[in-house]
N, C-alpha and C. Protein backbone atom coordinates (compact mmCIF):
# COMPACT_ATOMS: atom_id res chain seq x y z
N UNK A 1 39.85 21.97 149.62
CA UNK A 1 40.90 22.57 148.60
C UNK A 1 41.98 23.71 148.87
N UNK A 2 43.20 23.50 148.81
CA UNK A 2 44.03 24.50 149.36
C UNK A 2 44.22 25.42 148.13
N UNK A 3 44.71 26.76 148.40
CA UNK A 3 45.05 27.96 147.36
C UNK A 3 46.00 28.28 147.46
N UNK A 4 46.88 29.11 146.77
CA UNK A 4 48.46 29.46 146.92
C UNK A 4 48.75 29.72 147.93
N UNK A 5 48.34 29.83 148.77
CA UNK A 5 49.12 30.56 150.05
C UNK A 5 50.62 30.25 150.33
N UNK A 6 50.69 30.48 151.30
CA UNK A 6 52.61 29.87 152.07
C UNK A 6 52.86 28.81 151.75
N UNK A 7 51.63 27.92 151.44
CA UNK A 7 52.30 26.23 151.85
C UNK A 7 52.96 25.51 150.31
N UNK A 8 53.73 24.77 150.60
CA UNK A 8 55.00 24.21 149.86
C UNK A 8 54.19 22.80 149.05
N UNK A 9 53.31 23.68 148.37
CA UNK A 9 52.20 21.70 147.68
C UNK A 9 53.29 20.45 147.38
N UNK A 10 53.02 19.31 147.82
CA UNK A 10 53.41 18.19 147.01
C UNK A 10 53.04 18.15 145.60
N UNK A 11 54.21 18.06 144.61
CA UNK A 11 53.58 17.84 143.26
C UNK A 11 54.06 16.37 143.05
N UNK A 12 53.24 15.84 141.59
CA UNK A 12 53.45 14.38 141.34
C UNK A 12 53.48 14.64 139.80
N UNK A 13 53.89 13.71 139.59
CA UNK A 13 54.49 13.50 137.91
C UNK A 13 53.33 13.81 137.03
N UNK A 14 52.00 13.74 137.29
CA UNK A 14 50.95 13.87 136.54
C UNK A 14 50.97 15.84 136.39
N UNK A 15 51.86 16.62 137.46
CA UNK A 15 51.63 18.13 137.07
C UNK A 15 52.83 18.11 136.66
N UNK A 16 53.96 17.28 136.57
CA UNK A 16 55.09 18.02 136.25
C UNK A 16 55.04 17.45 134.73
N UNK A 17 54.60 16.69 134.74
CA UNK A 17 54.75 16.05 132.79
C UNK A 17 52.81 17.00 132.37
N UNK A 18 52.25 17.36 133.29
CA UNK A 18 51.25 18.13 132.76
C UNK A 18 51.69 19.38 132.18
N UNK A 19 53.12 19.77 132.14
CA UNK A 19 53.39 20.88 131.72
C UNK A 19 53.66 21.06 130.10
N UNK A 20 53.37 19.65 129.81
CA UNK A 20 53.91 19.64 128.58
C UNK A 20 52.38 18.66 127.70
N UNK A 21 51.29 18.48 128.69
CA UNK A 21 50.15 17.77 128.39
C UNK A 21 49.46 18.50 126.85
N UNK A 22 49.16 17.02 126.31
CA UNK A 22 48.30 17.44 124.84
C UNK A 22 46.90 18.30 125.44
N UNK A 23 46.30 18.53 126.66
CA UNK A 23 45.16 18.81 126.85
C UNK A 23 45.32 19.97 127.25
N UNK A 24 44.93 20.93 126.66
CA UNK A 24 45.68 22.54 126.92
C UNK A 24 44.87 22.88 128.16
N UNK A 25 43.74 22.80 129.15
CA UNK A 25 43.22 23.21 130.09
C UNK A 25 43.98 22.64 131.33
N UNK A 26 44.53 21.10 130.94
CA UNK A 26 45.56 20.66 131.81
C UNK A 26 46.87 20.80 132.13
N UNK A 27 47.31 21.50 130.81
CA UNK A 27 48.43 22.38 130.50
C UNK A 27 48.77 23.52 131.41
N UNK A 28 47.75 24.17 131.37
CA UNK A 28 47.70 25.23 131.88
C UNK A 28 47.41 25.33 133.32
N UNK A 29 46.84 24.39 134.14
CA UNK A 29 46.59 24.47 135.26
C UNK A 29 47.84 24.04 135.72
N UNK A 30 48.97 23.34 135.21
CA UNK A 30 50.39 22.86 135.28
C UNK A 30 51.14 24.12 135.57
N UNK A 31 50.88 24.85 134.71
CA UNK A 31 51.60 25.56 134.16
C UNK A 31 51.56 27.14 135.10
N UNK A 32 50.03 26.83 135.34
CA UNK A 32 49.60 28.08 136.54
C UNK A 32 50.65 27.68 137.94
N UNK A 33 50.59 26.80 138.21
CA UNK A 33 51.43 26.39 139.74
C UNK A 33 53.02 26.48 139.44
N UNK A 34 53.54 26.08 138.28
CA UNK A 34 54.76 25.97 138.40
C UNK A 34 55.22 27.68 138.09
N UNK A 35 55.09 28.41 137.42
CA UNK A 35 54.86 30.13 137.39
C UNK A 35 54.53 30.89 138.14
N UNK A 36 53.57 30.41 139.23
CA UNK A 36 52.64 30.89 140.22
C UNK A 36 54.05 30.87 141.70
N UNK A 37 54.58 29.39 141.58
CA UNK A 37 55.32 29.18 142.56
C UNK A 37 56.91 29.26 142.83
N UNK A 38 57.23 29.85 141.38
CA UNK A 38 58.39 29.71 140.74
C UNK A 38 59.55 30.05 141.74
N UNK A 39 59.23 31.22 142.36
CA UNK A 39 60.01 31.61 143.56
C UNK A 39 59.62 30.88 144.95
N UNK A 40 58.91 30.77 145.01
CA UNK A 40 58.55 29.35 146.04
C UNK A 40 58.56 27.94 146.69
N UNK A 41 58.66 27.91 147.22
CA UNK A 41 58.80 26.00 147.28
C UNK A 41 57.40 25.18 147.23
N UNK A 42 58.40 24.18 146.43
CA UNK A 42 56.98 23.34 145.98
C UNK A 42 57.99 21.86 146.46
N UNK A 43 57.57 20.74 146.62
CA UNK A 43 58.16 19.38 147.05
C UNK A 43 57.59 18.33 146.15
N UNK A 44 58.83 17.14 145.56
CA UNK A 44 58.30 16.34 145.02
C UNK A 44 58.96 15.05 145.37
N UNK A 45 58.55 14.03 145.61
CA UNK A 45 59.37 12.72 145.73
C UNK A 45 60.15 11.98 144.81
N UNK A 46 60.89 11.38 145.59
CA UNK A 46 62.56 10.62 144.22
C UNK A 46 61.55 10.03 143.53
N UNK A 47 60.40 9.11 143.60
CA UNK A 47 59.64 8.18 142.79
C UNK A 47 59.12 9.07 142.11
N UNK A 48 58.42 10.10 142.24
CA UNK A 48 57.49 10.80 141.15
C UNK A 48 58.58 11.47 140.40
N UNK A 49 60.04 12.05 140.74
CA UNK A 49 60.90 12.55 139.68
C UNK A 49 61.24 11.07 138.82
N UNK A 50 61.19 10.06 139.05
CA UNK A 50 61.66 8.97 138.45
C UNK A 50 60.73 8.44 137.31
N UNK A 51 59.26 8.53 137.93
CA UNK A 51 58.03 8.32 136.92
C UNK A 51 58.63 9.21 135.87
N UNK A 52 58.52 10.57 136.04
CA UNK A 52 58.84 11.66 134.78
C UNK A 52 60.27 11.45 133.83
N UNK A 53 61.19 10.76 134.41
CA UNK A 53 62.42 10.84 133.60
C UNK A 53 61.79 9.49 132.90
N UNK A 54 61.49 8.46 133.65
CA UNK A 54 61.16 6.87 132.71
C UNK A 54 60.46 7.23 131.58
N UNK A 55 59.09 8.35 131.69
CA UNK A 55 58.40 8.61 130.56
C UNK A 55 59.16 9.62 129.17
N UNK A 56 60.03 10.40 129.93
CA UNK A 56 60.81 11.10 128.83
C UNK A 56 62.10 10.16 127.84
N UNK A 57 62.37 9.18 128.85
CA UNK A 57 63.89 8.20 128.47
C UNK A 57 62.80 7.37 127.23
N UNK A 58 61.59 7.02 127.18
CA UNK A 58 60.63 6.53 126.34
C UNK A 58 60.82 7.08 124.50
N UNK A 59 60.97 8.49 124.79
CA UNK A 59 60.87 9.24 123.74
C UNK A 59 62.21 9.29 122.80
N UNK A 60 61.80 9.95 121.62
CA UNK A 60 63.24 9.72 120.34
C UNK A 60 63.94 10.63 121.22
N UNK A 61 65.56 10.50 120.79
CA UNK A 61 66.68 11.12 121.16
C UNK A 61 66.39 12.61 120.87
N UNK A 62 65.78 12.99 120.06
CA UNK A 62 65.56 14.28 119.23
C UNK A 62 64.77 15.12 120.32
N UNK A 63 63.63 14.57 120.65
CA UNK A 63 62.99 15.08 122.08
C UNK A 63 63.22 15.15 123.13
N UNK A 64 64.00 14.34 123.76
CA UNK A 64 65.04 14.18 124.74
C UNK A 64 65.84 15.73 124.65
N UNK A 65 66.63 15.73 124.03
CA UNK A 65 67.60 16.57 123.72
C UNK A 65 66.70 18.15 123.68
N UNK A 66 65.36 18.34 123.13
CA UNK A 66 65.05 19.32 123.28
C UNK A 66 64.25 19.60 125.13
N UNK A 67 63.70 18.45 125.52
CA UNK A 67 63.14 18.43 126.78
C UNK A 67 64.11 18.79 127.79
N UNK A 68 65.03 18.06 127.99
CA UNK A 68 65.79 17.95 129.19
C UNK A 68 66.66 19.06 129.51
N UNK A 69 66.77 19.95 128.66
CA UNK A 69 67.68 21.43 128.99
C UNK A 69 66.53 22.69 129.78
N UNK A 70 65.19 22.20 129.67
CA UNK A 70 63.74 22.68 130.30
C UNK A 70 64.15 22.33 131.97
N UNK A 71 63.56 20.86 131.53
CA UNK A 71 63.82 20.24 133.25
C UNK A 71 64.48 20.47 133.92
N UNK A 72 66.09 20.25 133.50
CA UNK A 72 67.17 20.73 134.31
C UNK A 72 67.02 21.69 134.84
N UNK A 73 66.88 22.48 134.09
CA UNK A 73 66.89 23.97 134.48
C UNK A 73 66.09 24.74 135.50
N UNK A 74 64.45 23.87 135.18
CA UNK A 74 63.60 24.05 136.13
C UNK A 74 64.08 23.67 137.55
N UNK A 75 64.57 22.79 137.36
CA UNK A 75 64.79 21.69 138.65
C UNK A 75 65.63 22.13 139.44
N UNK A 76 67.18 22.55 138.76
CA UNK A 76 67.83 23.88 139.43
C UNK A 76 67.74 24.82 139.85
N UNK A 77 66.41 26.01 138.98
CA UNK A 77 66.20 26.99 139.33
C UNK A 77 65.46 27.24 140.75
N UNK A 78 64.25 26.37 140.04
CA UNK A 78 63.05 26.27 141.24
C UNK A 78 63.62 25.99 142.71
N UNK A 79 62.90 25.97 143.63
CA UNK A 79 62.97 25.35 144.85
C UNK A 79 62.10 24.00 144.97
N UNK A 80 62.31 23.13 144.33
CA UNK A 80 61.72 21.96 144.34
C UNK A 80 62.44 20.96 145.89
N UNK A 81 62.06 21.05 147.06
CA UNK A 81 62.14 20.39 147.78
C UNK A 81 62.12 18.85 147.69
N UNK A 82 63.49 17.49 147.55
CA UNK A 82 62.90 16.15 146.89
C UNK A 82 63.08 15.75 148.51
N UNK A 83 62.48 14.49 148.60
CA UNK A 83 62.67 13.78 149.85
C UNK A 83 62.15 12.49 149.14
N UNK A 84 62.37 11.64 150.00
CA UNK A 84 61.99 9.97 149.97
C UNK A 84 61.02 9.65 150.99
N UNK A 85 60.71 8.42 151.04
CA UNK A 85 59.38 8.09 152.17
C UNK A 85 59.81 7.81 153.44
N UNK A 86 59.31 7.90 154.18
CA UNK A 86 59.69 7.26 156.07
C UNK A 86 59.12 6.08 156.17
N UNK A 87 59.85 5.31 157.20
CA UNK A 87 58.82 4.18 157.61
C UNK A 87 57.42 4.45 157.56
N UNK A 88 56.87 5.33 158.65
CA UNK A 88 56.17 5.32 158.65
C UNK A 88 54.65 5.51 157.34
N UNK A 89 55.18 6.19 156.73
CA UNK A 89 54.71 6.49 155.04
C UNK A 89 54.50 5.10 154.58
N UNK A 90 55.17 4.07 154.53
CA UNK A 90 55.07 2.79 154.29
C UNK A 90 54.07 1.93 154.99
N UNK A 91 54.25 1.92 156.22
CA UNK A 91 53.13 1.20 156.92
C UNK A 91 51.50 1.77 156.79
N UNK A 92 51.55 2.89 156.49
CA UNK A 92 50.37 4.06 156.02
C UNK A 92 49.75 3.27 154.93
N UNK A 93 50.56 3.23 153.88
CA UNK A 93 50.37 2.98 152.25
C UNK A 93 49.83 1.39 152.28
N UNK A 94 50.29 0.61 153.18
CA UNK A 94 49.78 -0.47 153.33
C UNK A 94 48.48 -1.00 154.14
N UNK A 95 48.23 -0.36 155.00
CA UNK A 95 47.78 -0.69 156.10
C UNK A 95 46.49 0.27 155.99
N UNK A 96 46.23 1.31 155.49
CA UNK A 96 44.90 2.38 154.86
C UNK A 96 43.88 1.83 154.16
N UNK A 97 42.68 1.44 154.29
CA UNK A 97 41.77 0.58 153.95
C UNK A 97 41.65 1.78 152.89
N UNK A 98 41.59 3.18 152.42
CA UNK A 98 41.62 3.75 151.13
C UNK A 98 42.32 3.60 150.73
N UNK A 99 43.56 3.31 150.69
CA UNK A 99 45.13 3.04 149.82
C UNK A 99 45.24 1.89 149.03
N UNK A 100 44.40 0.78 149.68
CA UNK A 100 44.92 -0.59 149.47
C UNK A 100 44.15 -0.76 148.01
N UNK A 101 43.30 -0.30 147.37
CA UNK A 101 43.28 -0.39 146.02
C UNK A 101 43.93 0.19 144.85
N UNK A 102 44.98 0.95 145.37
CA UNK A 102 45.70 2.20 144.29
C UNK A 102 46.93 1.43 143.67
N UNK A 103 47.65 1.68 143.03
CA UNK A 103 48.76 1.39 142.36
C UNK A 103 50.11 1.64 143.51
N UNK A 104 51.16 1.09 144.04
CA UNK A 104 51.90 1.50 144.92
C UNK A 104 52.20 2.71 145.21
N UNK A 105 52.83 3.38 143.84
CA UNK A 105 53.27 4.78 143.66
C UNK A 105 52.15 5.84 144.16
N UNK A 106 50.76 5.54 143.96
CA UNK A 106 49.91 6.39 144.65
C UNK A 106 49.46 6.11 145.75
N UNK A 107 49.63 4.96 146.24
CA UNK A 107 49.30 4.26 147.68
C UNK A 107 50.37 5.22 148.57
N UNK A 108 51.75 5.47 148.27
CA UNK A 108 53.08 5.96 148.99
C UNK A 108 52.97 7.10 148.92
N UNK A 109 52.42 8.03 147.90
CA UNK A 109 52.32 9.28 147.69
C UNK A 109 50.96 10.16 148.33
N UNK A 110 49.85 9.24 148.34
CA UNK A 110 48.96 9.75 149.35
C UNK A 110 49.82 9.41 151.03
N UNK A 111 50.39 8.45 151.01
CA UNK A 111 50.47 8.08 152.24
C UNK A 111 51.44 9.51 153.10
N UNK A 112 52.24 9.46 151.87
CA UNK A 112 53.18 10.52 152.07
C UNK A 112 52.54 12.23 152.47
N UNK A 113 51.58 12.32 151.99
CA UNK A 113 50.89 13.31 152.16
C UNK A 113 49.66 13.57 153.45
N UNK A 114 49.54 12.59 153.60
CA UNK A 114 48.54 12.33 154.96
C UNK A 114 49.47 12.66 155.85
N UNK A 115 50.77 11.66 156.44
CA UNK A 115 51.90 11.26 157.29
C UNK A 115 52.57 12.99 157.36
N UNK A 116 52.48 13.94 156.34
CA UNK A 116 53.02 14.91 156.54
C UNK A 116 52.24 16.10 156.94
N UNK A 117 51.11 15.63 156.51
CA UNK A 117 49.62 16.89 156.65
C UNK A 117 50.08 17.76 155.44
N UNK A 118 50.60 17.73 154.40
CA UNK A 118 51.07 18.11 152.88
C UNK A 118 49.46 18.25 151.93
N UNK A 119 49.76 19.71 151.15
CA UNK A 119 49.09 19.41 150.11
C UNK A 119 49.70 18.51 148.92
N UNK A 120 48.55 17.90 148.19
CA UNK A 120 49.05 17.47 146.79
C UNK A 120 48.16 18.18 145.76
N UNK A 121 49.41 18.48 144.99
CA UNK A 121 49.17 19.15 143.83
C UNK A 121 48.81 18.00 142.65
N UNK A 122 47.68 17.26 142.35
CA UNK A 122 47.53 15.95 141.28
C UNK A 122 47.20 16.25 140.28
N UNK A 123 46.83 15.84 139.23
CA UNK A 123 45.82 15.97 137.96
C UNK A 123 45.30 14.13 137.94
N UNK A 124 46.18 13.37 138.94
CA UNK A 124 45.28 11.94 138.34
C UNK A 124 44.05 11.64 139.14
N UNK A 125 42.93 11.31 138.84
CA UNK A 125 41.95 11.29 138.81
C UNK A 125 41.72 10.35 140.37
N UNK A 126 42.32 9.33 140.50
CA UNK A 126 42.28 8.45 141.39
C UNK A 126 42.68 8.88 142.54
N UNK A 127 43.82 9.74 142.65
CA UNK A 127 44.11 10.47 143.85
C UNK A 127 43.33 11.40 144.34
N UNK A 128 42.87 12.34 143.56
CA UNK A 128 41.93 13.44 143.42
C UNK A 128 40.38 12.93 144.04
N UNK A 129 40.08 11.66 143.62
CA UNK A 129 39.40 11.13 144.27
C UNK A 129 38.99 10.73 145.51
N UNK A 130 39.73 10.39 146.29
CA UNK A 130 40.11 9.69 147.79
C UNK A 130 39.46 10.62 148.52
N UNK A 131 38.80 10.22 149.65
CA UNK A 131 37.76 10.84 150.47
C UNK A 131 38.96 11.51 151.51
N UNK A 132 39.73 10.19 151.63
CA UNK A 132 41.27 10.97 152.99
C UNK A 132 41.96 12.30 152.35
N UNK A 133 41.78 12.86 150.69
CA UNK A 133 42.60 13.35 150.59
C UNK A 133 42.23 14.50 150.25
N UNK A 134 40.56 14.92 150.11
CA UNK A 134 39.78 15.84 149.82
C UNK A 134 40.43 17.52 150.77
N UNK A 135 40.66 16.93 151.95
CA UNK A 135 41.27 18.10 152.56
C UNK A 135 42.62 18.79 152.12
N UNK A 136 43.30 18.35 151.29
CA UNK A 136 44.30 18.10 151.04
C UNK A 136 44.76 18.27 149.69
N UNK A 137 43.94 18.42 148.99
CA UNK A 137 43.81 18.60 147.64
C UNK A 137 44.81 20.39 147.07
N UNK A 138 45.27 20.55 146.16
CA UNK A 138 45.58 21.98 145.91
C UNK A 138 44.57 22.49 144.81
N UNK A 139 44.16 23.46 144.83
CA UNK A 139 43.05 24.31 144.01
C UNK A 139 43.59 25.13 142.87
N UNK A 140 44.07 24.01 142.07
CA UNK A 140 44.84 24.86 140.64
C UNK A 140 44.24 25.93 140.38
N UNK A 141 42.93 26.48 140.48
CA UNK A 141 41.90 27.55 140.27
C UNK A 141 42.50 28.70 140.78
N UNK A 142 42.94 28.61 142.05
CA UNK A 142 43.12 29.43 143.12
C UNK A 142 44.34 30.23 143.17
N UNK A 143 45.41 29.50 141.62
CA UNK A 143 46.93 29.69 141.65
C UNK A 143 46.79 30.88 140.56
N UNK A 144 46.67 32.23 140.60
CA UNK A 144 47.40 33.30 139.90
C UNK A 144 48.56 33.54 139.53
N UNK A 145 49.56 32.89 138.31
CA UNK A 145 50.52 33.42 137.92
C UNK A 145 51.02 34.71 137.72
N UNK A 146 51.73 35.51 138.47
CA UNK A 146 52.26 36.51 137.91
C UNK A 146 52.80 36.74 136.42
N UNK A 147 53.38 35.70 136.20
CA UNK A 147 53.61 36.29 134.66
C UNK A 147 54.03 34.63 134.17
N UNK A 148 55.18 34.81 133.64
CA UNK A 148 56.00 33.48 132.66
C UNK A 148 57.05 33.27 133.77
N UNK A 149 57.64 32.11 133.31
CA UNK A 149 59.23 31.84 133.66
C UNK A 149 59.84 33.10 133.60
N UNK A 150 61.38 33.05 134.24
CA UNK A 150 61.95 33.90 133.47
C UNK A 150 62.42 34.00 132.01
N UNK A 151 63.14 34.82 131.60
CA UNK A 151 62.97 34.53 130.00
C UNK A 151 63.79 33.40 129.25
N UNK A 152 65.11 33.18 129.58
CA UNK A 152 65.70 32.07 129.44
C UNK A 152 65.17 30.61 129.49
N UNK A 153 64.65 30.58 131.14
CA UNK A 153 63.68 29.31 130.85
C UNK A 153 62.20 29.45 130.17
N UNK A 154 61.97 30.27 129.89
CA UNK A 154 60.83 30.31 129.14
C UNK A 154 61.35 29.62 127.68
N UNK A 155 61.88 30.53 127.29
CA UNK A 155 62.64 30.09 126.15
C UNK A 155 63.12 28.69 125.83
N UNK A 156 63.52 27.92 126.87
CA UNK A 156 63.95 26.43 127.19
C UNK A 156 62.72 25.69 127.28
N UNK A 157 61.54 26.40 127.56
CA UNK A 157 60.10 25.67 127.87
C UNK A 157 59.07 25.43 126.46
N UNK A 158 59.59 26.88 125.94
CA UNK A 158 58.68 26.74 124.47
C UNK A 158 59.40 25.57 123.43
N UNK A 159 60.65 25.47 123.59
CA UNK A 159 61.54 24.85 122.89
C UNK A 159 61.10 23.27 123.14
N UNK A 160 61.09 22.98 124.37
CA UNK A 160 61.20 21.74 125.11
C UNK A 160 59.60 20.80 124.93
N UNK A 161 58.33 21.85 124.17
CA UNK A 161 56.96 21.62 123.85
C UNK A 161 57.38 20.82 122.95
N UNK A 162 58.23 20.26 122.20
CA UNK A 162 58.07 19.65 121.19
C UNK A 162 57.73 18.19 121.66
N UNK A 163 57.77 17.82 122.79
CA UNK A 163 57.24 16.52 123.70
C UNK A 163 55.89 17.14 124.10
N UNK A 164 54.75 16.21 123.85
CA UNK A 164 53.70 16.33 124.43
C UNK A 164 52.89 14.90 124.53
N UNK A 165 52.66 14.97 126.29
CA UNK A 165 52.21 13.93 126.69
C UNK A 165 50.72 13.50 126.36
N UNK A 166 50.67 12.40 126.81
CA UNK A 166 49.31 11.68 126.66
C UNK A 166 48.63 12.08 125.43
N UNK A 167 49.08 12.28 124.40
CA UNK A 167 48.55 12.17 123.36
C UNK A 167 48.98 11.02 122.43
N UNK A 168 47.47 10.66 121.40
CA UNK A 168 47.92 9.12 121.20
C UNK A 168 48.57 9.28 119.97
N UNK A 169 49.15 8.23 119.75
CA UNK A 169 50.37 8.48 118.73
C UNK A 169 50.03 7.72 117.27
C-alpha cells in the first residue's frame, strides 16, 4: 500500500463518486484523498470520468443542477491529469490472466496502473482484491487532509450532497 507521498494516484469512479457515498466511512476516505491532494496532482482516465457522468445523468434534473457546479469546479481547480489508454494497456487487459475475469473497464484500469507503474486509489473490491495490484494500492488511511476545500468549493460540495451514491432508493 502506498501513502500520500509525492505520487500522483490514479483515481477511479468509485473514489470520485465516493465523495457522495451513503457510507460515511467510504465518503470520508474519498474526501481525505481529494482534500489532501487538492493542491497536488491526481490522474483519472477518460473512461472513469465517463462512468461518473453516466451515474449523474441518471439522476433527477434538480440533483444534477446541484451536483454539477461542484464537479465542474473540482475538475477545473484541482490538478487532475486526464488520459486515455495506450495500445500496450489494451493488450495487457486482454492477456493478463488475473484481469480476464474482470469487467472490461476494470481490466483496462488495472492494466493502465500496471503498465504505468502507477498507484491506484479505488474502493472497488474486485480491484482491491487483485494480487497483481497489491503493491500499487493507495492507502486511504495514510492520507491526512490539512483541512477542507477552498471555501467556495466547500460550499458547492455541501450543496452537491443532495446526490447520495449507492443508497437504496
